[in-house]
Amino acid sequence: MSPWSATANCCAPGSQTSKIPVMAIIAVIGAGSWGTALAHTLSNIGHSVRLWAYEEEVAASVNVNRENTLFLPGIKLPQRILATTIISQAIQGADFVVTAIPSHVCRSVCQKMLPFLDPAMVLISATKGIEAGSLMRMSEVIHSAVDRRFVPQLAVLSGPSFAQEVARGDPAAVVVASGNRETARTIQEGFSSRSLRLYTSDDVIGVELGGAIKNVIAIAAGVIEGLGLGHNPKAALITRGLAEMTRLACACGARSETLAGLAGMGDLVLTCTGELSRNRRVGSELGRGRKLDEIVGSMRMVAEGVKTTDAAVALAEKHGIEMPITKQVQCILQGLISPREAIRQLMERSLKPE
């Protein structure tokens, strides 16, 4: 049984009339650029959205000015979005709870959410990263935090999706993955719109690891740009980066075809080449000679690849997987090697078949 309480007909450009589900209550936890963009898109479909913000000024800006001036300026937000800094107000009575928070706070925020969660709620992780120490994917973090009370209905959302473009209404396609195919289909049905198309998958591991590791490779792509190198090395990097992502994901139980799709290759190409990529920007500044602390300190939003790199290397070592690009990014971030020397070492590795 679908949770959507009503449907509205709309006609997408060049298509036949389709039904768009409306009037679910959706809690979006995290009012950064991505959480705000999701809230904007979902409210435009017709859902009632509660947006939890960590910062008082963000909640006030959304409620009073209908704009997240700190993280997503220039986007007018619908009245159906209610922002709050009180997590219980965001969650209680929600049909869906979407987490769009930095990966390093996922566990602590889930623990704050726990008293207000209900087994009937569907939990959706829209966070891309790997937890340091435990090496858990975000859905594993959520599950471990919640299953002390009940076994959660879980899904993950990933794919090539810059927040600014999604909020602007530019066409985008992403993947929703769940071990329960009906859960994935329900989210697909309710979250898809004229501008946001959702595909379903049951490969949660592949979708999550693709979304996490591509941020590390994007730092490397930025380094190439910062050094003033051309398109040839970036094309090689993206291709071999995809090979690294696929090796690791498959070792963890994913399917290789998932990494060839939106959550793997699609997101990798976007993050390595797009001007809005924070991880690419970090790499570019490193290539220009700036120090990591200075770069990160000047950024309002988190570049997930910085924190994911160490976890990715540790996960690869755990599974006996070779990830030379990821390892060199780690060395650059730790200040153990210069960007130019890292590229030299990659190029001079022992020769082998593709």
Protein backbone atom coordinates (compact mmCIF):
# COMPACT_ATOMS: atom_id res chain seq x y z
CA MET A 1 0.00 0.00 0.00
CA SER A 2 1.43 3.34 -1.04
CA PRO A 3 1.61 5.98 1.73
CA TRP A 4 0.72 8.78 -0.65
CA SER A 5 -2.62 10.25 0.36
CA ALA A 6 -3.49 11.85 -2.97
CA THR A 7 -2.27 12.20 -6.53
CA ALA A 8 -2.17 15.07 -8.94
CA ASN A 9 -1.93 14.80 -12.70
CA CYS A 10 0.79 16.67 -14.52
CA CYS A 11 2.20 16.48 -17.96
CA ALA A 12 5.98 16.48 -18.32
CA PRO A 13 7.35 18.07 -21.50
CA GLY A 14 7.17 15.61 -24.35
CA SER A 15 5.47 12.89 -22.31
CA GLN A 16 2.02 11.57 -21.60
CA THR A 17 0.11 12.61 -18.51
CA SER A 18 1.45 10.93 -15.36
CA LYS A 19 0.40 10.83 -11.74
CA ILE A 20 2.58 12.48 -9.13
CA PRO A 21 1.95 11.46 -5.49
CA VAL A 22 1.37 14.34 -3.09
CA MET A 23 0.83 15.12 0.57
CA ALA A 24 3.30 12.98 2.45
CA ILE A 25 5.01 14.48 5.49
CA ILE A 26 8.76 14.41 4.92
CA ALA A 27 11.42 15.34 7.47
CA VAL A 28 14.71 16.44 5.93
CA ILE A 29 17.46 16.31 8.53
CA GLY A 30 20.20 18.72 7.53
CA ALA A 31 19.76 22.18 6.04
CA GLY A 32 22.95 22.41 4.07
CA SER A 33 22.78 22.93 0.33
CA TRP A 34 21.75 19.34 -0.48
CA GLY A 35 19.17 19.02 2.28
CA THR A 36 17.65 22.36 1.33
CA ALA A 37 17.59 21.43 -2.36
CA LEU A 38 15.80 18.17 -1.55
CA ALA A 39 13.32 19.99 0.67
CA HIS A 40 12.68 22.49 -2.12
CA THR A 41 12.12 19.79 -4.72
CA LEU A 42 9.90 17.62 -2.52
CA SER A 43 7.76 20.55 -1.41
CA ASN A 44 7.28 21.61 -5.02
CA ILE A 45 5.81 18.17 -5.73
CA GLY A 46 3.23 18.83 -3.03
CA HIS A 47 4.70 17.23 0.08
CA SER A 48 4.76 18.90 3.47
CA VAL A 49 8.43 19.25 4.39
CA ARG A 50 10.01 19.89 7.78
CA LEU A 51 13.63 20.93 7.49
CA TRP A 52 15.87 20.46 10.52
CA ALA A 53 18.70 22.97 10.69
CA TYR A 54 21.62 22.96 13.11
CA GLU A 55 22.03 26.74 12.86
CA GLU A 56 19.37 29.07 14.30
CA GLU A 57 20.10 31.64 11.59
CA VAL A 58 19.40 29.10 8.84
CA ALA A 59 16.01 28.14 10.31
CA ALA A 60 15.10 31.80 10.72
CA SER A 61 16.20 32.65 7.19
CA VAL A 62 14.08 29.85 5.71
CA ASN A 63 10.97 30.66 7.75
CA VAL A 64 11.11 34.43 7.49
CA ASN A 65 12.79 35.12 4.15
CA ARG A 66 11.96 31.80 2.41
CA GLU A 67 15.63 31.43 1.50
CA ASN A 68 18.62 29.59 2.94
CA THR A 69 20.97 32.51 2.56
CA LEU A 70 23.88 30.69 4.18
CA PHE A 71 23.95 27.45 2.16
CA LEU A 72 21.67 27.87 -0.86
CA PRO A 73 21.32 31.58 -1.64
CA GLY A 74 19.18 32.78 -4.49
CA ILE A 75 16.60 29.96 -4.32
CA LYS A 76 13.10 30.95 -3.21
CA LEU A 77 11.69 28.26 -0.94
CA PRO A 78 7.99 27.26 -0.87
CA GLN A 79 5.74 27.91 2.11
CA ARG A 80 5.30 24.14 2.56
CA ILE A 81 8.80 24.01 4.07
CA LEU A 82 8.89 24.57 7.83
CA ALA A 83 12.41 24.92 9.24
CA THR A 84 13.20 24.13 12.85
CA THR A 85 16.21 23.55 15.09
CA ILE A 86 14.20 21.20 17.31
CA ILE A 87 14.68 17.70 15.95
CA SER A 88 11.49 16.31 17.50
CA GLN A 89 9.41 18.92 15.67
CA ALA A 90 10.94 17.84 12.38
CA ILE A 91 10.48 14.11 12.87
CA GLN A 92 7.30 13.41 14.82
CA GLY A 93 4.48 12.27 12.54
CA ALA A 94 6.67 12.10 9.42
CA ASP A 95 6.18 9.42 6.79
CA PHE A 96 9.76 9.70 5.53
CA VAL A 97 12.93 10.90 7.25
CA VAL A 98 15.74 11.94 4.89
CA THR A 99 19.20 12.46 6.39
CA ALA A 100 21.31 14.95 4.44
CA ILE A 101 24.04 15.63 7.00
CA PRO A 102 27.84 15.42 6.98
CA SER A 103 28.95 11.80 7.38
CA HIS A 104 31.03 12.46 10.50
CA VAL A 105 27.95 13.57 12.47
CA CYS A 106 25.59 10.89 11.14
CA ARG A 107 25.78 8.66 14.22
CA SER A 108 25.37 11.46 16.76
CA VAL A 109 22.41 12.98 14.89
CA CYS A 110 20.75 9.55 14.57
CA GLN A 111 21.07 9.12 18.32
CA LYS A 112 19.29 12.45 18.81
CA MET A 113 16.58 11.34 16.37
CA LEU A 114 16.07 7.93 17.95
CA PRO A 115 13.47 8.79 20.64
CA PHE A 116 11.19 10.31 17.98
CA LEU A 117 11.48 7.67 15.27
CA ASP A 118 8.68 5.24 14.54
CA PRO A 119 8.87 1.79 12.87
CA ALA A 120 6.37 2.97 10.24
CA MET A 121 8.73 5.71 9.06
CA VAL A 122 10.96 5.12 6.05
CA LEU A 123 14.53 6.33 6.66
CA ILE A 124 16.48 7.55 3.64
CA SER A 125 20.18 8.34 3.73
CA ALA A 126 21.22 11.07 1.30
CA THR A 127 24.67 11.34 2.90
CA LYS A 128 27.79 10.23 1.02
CA GLY A 129 30.65 8.96 3.13
CA ILE A 130 32.22 6.21 5.24
CA GLU A 131 32.40 6.44 9.03
CA ALA A 132 35.94 6.72 10.37
CA GLY A 133 36.96 3.91 12.67
CA SER A 134 34.02 1.58 12.09
CA LEU A 135 34.36 1.85 8.27
CA MET A 136 30.56 1.61 8.09
CA ARG A 137 28.52 2.96 5.22
CA MET A 138 25.90 5.52 6.23
CA SER A 139 22.99 3.06 6.05
CA GLU A 140 24.95 0.76 8.37
CA VAL A 141 25.51 3.65 10.78
CA ILE A 142 21.80 4.47 10.77
CA HIS A 143 20.84 0.82 11.21
CA SER A 144 23.23 0.34 14.12
CA ALA A 145 21.91 3.49 15.82
CA VAL A 146 18.23 2.65 15.35
CA ASP A 147 17.99 -1.13 15.69
CA ARG A 148 18.26 -0.95 19.47
CA ARG A 149 14.59 0.10 19.29
CA PHE A 150 13.34 -1.46 16.05
CA VAL A 151 14.51 -2.72 12.67
CA PRO A 152 14.29 0.33 10.41
CA GLN A 153 12.94 0.56 6.87
CA LEU A 154 16.03 1.89 5.12
CA ALA A 155 16.97 3.24 1.71
CA VAL A 156 19.83 5.30 0.28
CA LEU A 157 19.72 8.07 -2.31
CA SER A 158 22.72 8.89 -4.50
CA GLY A 159 23.74 9.97 -7.96
CA PRO A 160 25.00 12.98 -9.93
CA SER A 161 23.16 15.87 -8.32
CA PHE A 162 24.62 19.28 -7.54
CA ALA A 163 22.30 20.93 -5.05
CA GLN A 164 22.17 24.28 -6.83
CA GLU A 165 21.06 22.68 -10.11
CA VAL A 166 18.47 20.41 -8.44
CA ALA A 167 17.00 23.37 -6.58
CA ARG A 168 16.94 25.38 -9.81
CA GLY A 169 14.85 22.67 -11.44
CA ASP A 170 17.46 21.48 -13.93
CA PRO A 171 16.82 17.85 -14.99
CA ALA A 172 18.66 15.29 -12.86
CA ALA A 173 18.60 11.51 -12.43
CA VAL A 174 19.54 9.69 -9.23
CA VAL A 175 19.24 6.21 -7.71
CA VAL A 176 17.29 5.03 -4.67
CA ALA A 177 18.52 1.71 -3.33
CA SER A 178 17.02 -0.54 -0.68
CA GLY A 179 17.14 -4.17 0.29
CA ASN A 180 13.34 -4.00 0.13
CA ARG A 181 12.33 -3.39 -3.46
CA GLU A 182 8.87 -2.18 -2.49
CA THR A 183 10.45 0.49 -0.29
CA ALA A 184 12.60 1.64 -3.19
CA ARG A 185 9.61 1.74 -5.52
CA THR A 186 7.56 3.72 -3.02
CA ILE A 187 10.29 6.36 -2.76
CA GLN A 188 10.71 6.39 -6.53
CA GLU A 189 7.00 6.99 -6.94
CA GLY A 190 6.82 9.73 -4.36
CA PHE A 191 10.06 11.63 -4.95
CA SER A 192 10.21 11.71 -8.75
CA SER A 193 9.09 14.89 -10.48
CA ARG A 194 9.34 16.69 -13.80
CA SER A 195 12.94 17.61 -13.00
CA LEU A 196 14.13 14.78 -10.74
CA ARG A 197 13.99 11.22 -12.05
CA LEU A 198 14.64 8.33 -9.67
CA TYR A 199 15.80 4.86 -10.68
CA THR A 200 15.61 1.93 -8.23
CA SER A 201 18.26 -0.56 -7.20
CA ASP A 202 18.68 -3.28 -4.59
CA ASP A 203 22.48 -2.84 -4.52
CA VAL A 204 22.79 -0.64 -1.44
CA ILE A 205 26.51 -1.36 -1.07
CA GLY A 206 27.35 -0.32 -4.63
CA VAL A 207 25.25 2.82 -4.53
CA GLU A 208 26.73 3.97 -1.22
CA LEU A 209 30.36 3.18 -1.96
CA GLY A 210 30.12 4.77 -5.40
CA GLY A 211 28.81 7.96 -3.80
CA ALA A 212 31.53 7.95 -1.16
CA ILE A 213 34.68 7.04 -3.12
CA LYS A 214 33.97 9.33 -6.06
CA ASN A 215 34.62 12.28 -3.73
CA VAL A 216 38.17 11.04 -3.15
CA ILE A 217 38.81 10.68 -6.87
CA ALA A 218 37.39 14.18 -7.39
CA ILE A 219 40.09 15.59 -5.11
CA ALA A 220 42.67 13.97 -7.39
CA ALA A 221 40.93 15.45 -10.44
CA GLY A 222 41.15 18.87 -8.84
CA VAL A 223 44.87 18.39 -8.21
CA ILE A 224 45.39 17.82 -11.93
CA GLU A 225 43.56 21.05 -12.66
CA GLY A 226 45.46 22.97 -9.99
CA LEU A 227 48.75 21.84 -11.48
CA GLY A 228 47.68 23.22 -14.86
CA LEU A 229 47.65 19.84 -16.59
CA GLY A 230 45.36 19.06 -19.51
CA HIS A 231 42.42 16.84 -20.36
CA ASN A 232 44.43 13.66 -21.00
CA PRO A 233 45.44 13.05 -17.38
CA LYS A 234 41.95 13.87 -16.11
CA ALA A 235 40.38 11.36 -18.51
CA ALA A 236 42.87 8.72 -17.38
CA LEU A 237 42.23 9.56 -13.74
CA ILE A 238 38.45 9.29 -14.04
CA THR A 239 38.74 5.96 -15.85
CA ARG A 240 41.21 4.43 -13.43
CA GLY A 241 39.35 5.98 -10.50
CA LEU A 242 36.23 4.16 -11.61
CA ALA A 243 38.26 0.94 -11.67
CA GLU A 244 39.32 1.55 -8.05
CA MET A 245 35.75 2.29 -6.96
CA THR A 246 34.50 -0.85 -8.66
CA ARG A 247 37.20 -3.10 -7.18
CA LEU A 248 36.48 -1.94 -3.65
CA ALA A 249 32.70 -2.01 -3.97
CA CYS A 250 32.71 -5.52 -5.45
CA ALA A 251 35.03 -6.74 -2.69
CA CYS A 252 32.45 -5.45 -0.22
CA GLY A 253 29.60 -7.28 -1.98
CA ALA A 254 28.39 -4.83 -4.64
CA ARG A 255 27.74 -5.54 -8.32
CA SER A 256 30.05 -4.05 -10.93
CA GLU A 257 27.15 -2.81 -13.10
CA THR A 258 26.04 -0.51 -10.26
CA LEU A 259 29.36 1.32 -10.45
CA ALA A 260 28.87 1.74 -14.21
CA GLY A 261 25.59 3.55 -13.51
CA LEU A 262 24.44 6.84 -12.04
CA ALA A 263 25.73 6.27 -8.52
CA GLY A 264 29.17 5.30 -9.82
CA MET A 265 30.31 6.61 -13.18
CA GLY A 266 27.62 9.29 -13.37
CA ASP A 267 28.43 10.84 -10.01
CA LEU A 268 32.17 10.42 -10.60
CA VAL A 269 32.13 12.34 -13.89
CA LEU A 270 30.03 15.13 -12.38
CA THR A 271 32.17 15.55 -9.28
CA CYS A 272 35.47 15.38 -11.17
CA THR A 273 34.49 17.92 -13.83
CA GLY A 274 31.76 20.17 -12.45
CA GLU A 275 32.50 23.70 -11.29
CA LEU A 276 30.22 23.24 -8.26
CA SER A 277 32.21 20.29 -6.87
CA ARG A 278 33.62 21.09 -3.43
CA ASN A 279 35.96 18.08 -3.51
CA ARG A 280 37.35 19.07 -6.89
CA ARG A 281 37.87 22.58 -5.50
CA VAL A 282 39.88 21.22 -2.56
CA GLY A 283 42.12 19.29 -4.94
CA SER A 284 42.54 22.27 -7.22
CA GLU A 285 43.71 24.46 -4.35
CA LEU A 286 46.09 21.73 -3.17
CA GLY A 287 47.52 21.58 -6.68
CA ARG A 288 48.08 25.32 -6.54
CA GLY A 289 50.10 24.93 -3.35
CA ARG A 290 47.66 25.93 -0.63
CA LYS A 291 47.61 24.02 2.67
CA LEU A 292 44.68 21.73 3.50
CA ASP A 293 43.79 23.43 6.80
CA GLU A 294 43.63 26.80 5.06
CA ILE A 295 41.45 25.42 2.26
CA VAL A 296 39.00 23.61 4.55
CA GLY A 297 38.87 26.57 6.94
CA SER A 298 37.75 28.86 4.12
CA MET A 299 34.84 26.59 3.09
CA ARG A 300 31.35 26.90 4.51
CA MET A 301 30.30 23.39 3.53
CA VAL A 302 31.98 20.02 4.04
CA ALA A 303 34.04 18.41 1.28
CA GLU A 304 33.27 14.80 2.18
CA GLY A 305 36.25 13.39 0.28
CA VAL A 306 38.69 14.84 2.83
CA LYS A 307 37.30 12.71 5.66
CA THR A 308 36.41 9.74 3.44
CA THR A 309 39.95 9.24 2.11
CA ASP A 310 41.42 7.66 5.26
CA ALA A 311 38.37 5.41 5.66
CA ALA A 312 38.55 4.35 2.01
CA VAL A 313 42.23 3.42 2.34
CA ALA A 314 41.51 1.47 5.53
CA LEU A 315 38.58 -0.33 3.91
CA ALA A 316 40.72 -1.23 0.90
CA GLU A 317 43.45 -2.59 3.17
CA LYS A 318 40.88 -4.61 5.09
CA HIS A 319 39.76 -6.29 1.87
CA GLY A 320 43.22 -6.52 0.29
CA ILE A 321 42.29 -4.17 -2.56
CA GLU A 322 44.82 -2.00 -4.38
CA MET A 323 43.71 1.65 -4.71
CA PRO A 324 46.77 3.64 -5.83
CA ILE A 325 44.95 6.89 -6.64
CA THR A 326 43.14 6.91 -3.32
CA LYS A 327 46.40 6.17 -1.49
CA GLN A 328 48.18 9.06 -3.20
CA VAL A 329 45.31 11.40 -2.31
CA GLN A 330 45.75 10.33 1.31
CA CYS A 331 49.46 11.12 1.16
CA ILE A 332 48.76 14.56 -0.33
CA LEU A 333 46.12 15.35 2.30
CA GLN A 334 48.48 14.30 5.07
CA GLY A 335 51.24 16.48 3.65
CA LEU A 336 53.54 13.50 3.07
CA ILE A 337 54.04 14.17 -0.62
CA SER A 338 53.61 17.00 -3.11
CA PRO A 339 50.83 16.79 -5.71
CA ARG A 340 53.35 16.66 -8.55
CA GLU A 341 55.33 13.87 -6.89
CA ALA A 342 52.12 11.91 -6.32
CA ILE A 343 51.38 12.02 -10.05
CA ARG A 344 54.93 10.99 -10.87
CA GLN A 345 54.64 7.95 -8.61
CA LEU A 346 51.32 6.95 -10.18
CA MET A 347 52.80 7.19 -13.67
CA GLU A 348 55.88 5.16 -12.75
CA ARG A 349 54.06 2.24 -11.16
CA SER A 350 54.83 -1.19 -12.61
CA LEU A 351 53.20 -1.76 -15.99
CA LYS A 352 50.23 -4.13 -16.20
CA PRO A 353 47.22 -5.04 -18.37
CA GLU A 354 44.09 -2.94 -18.09
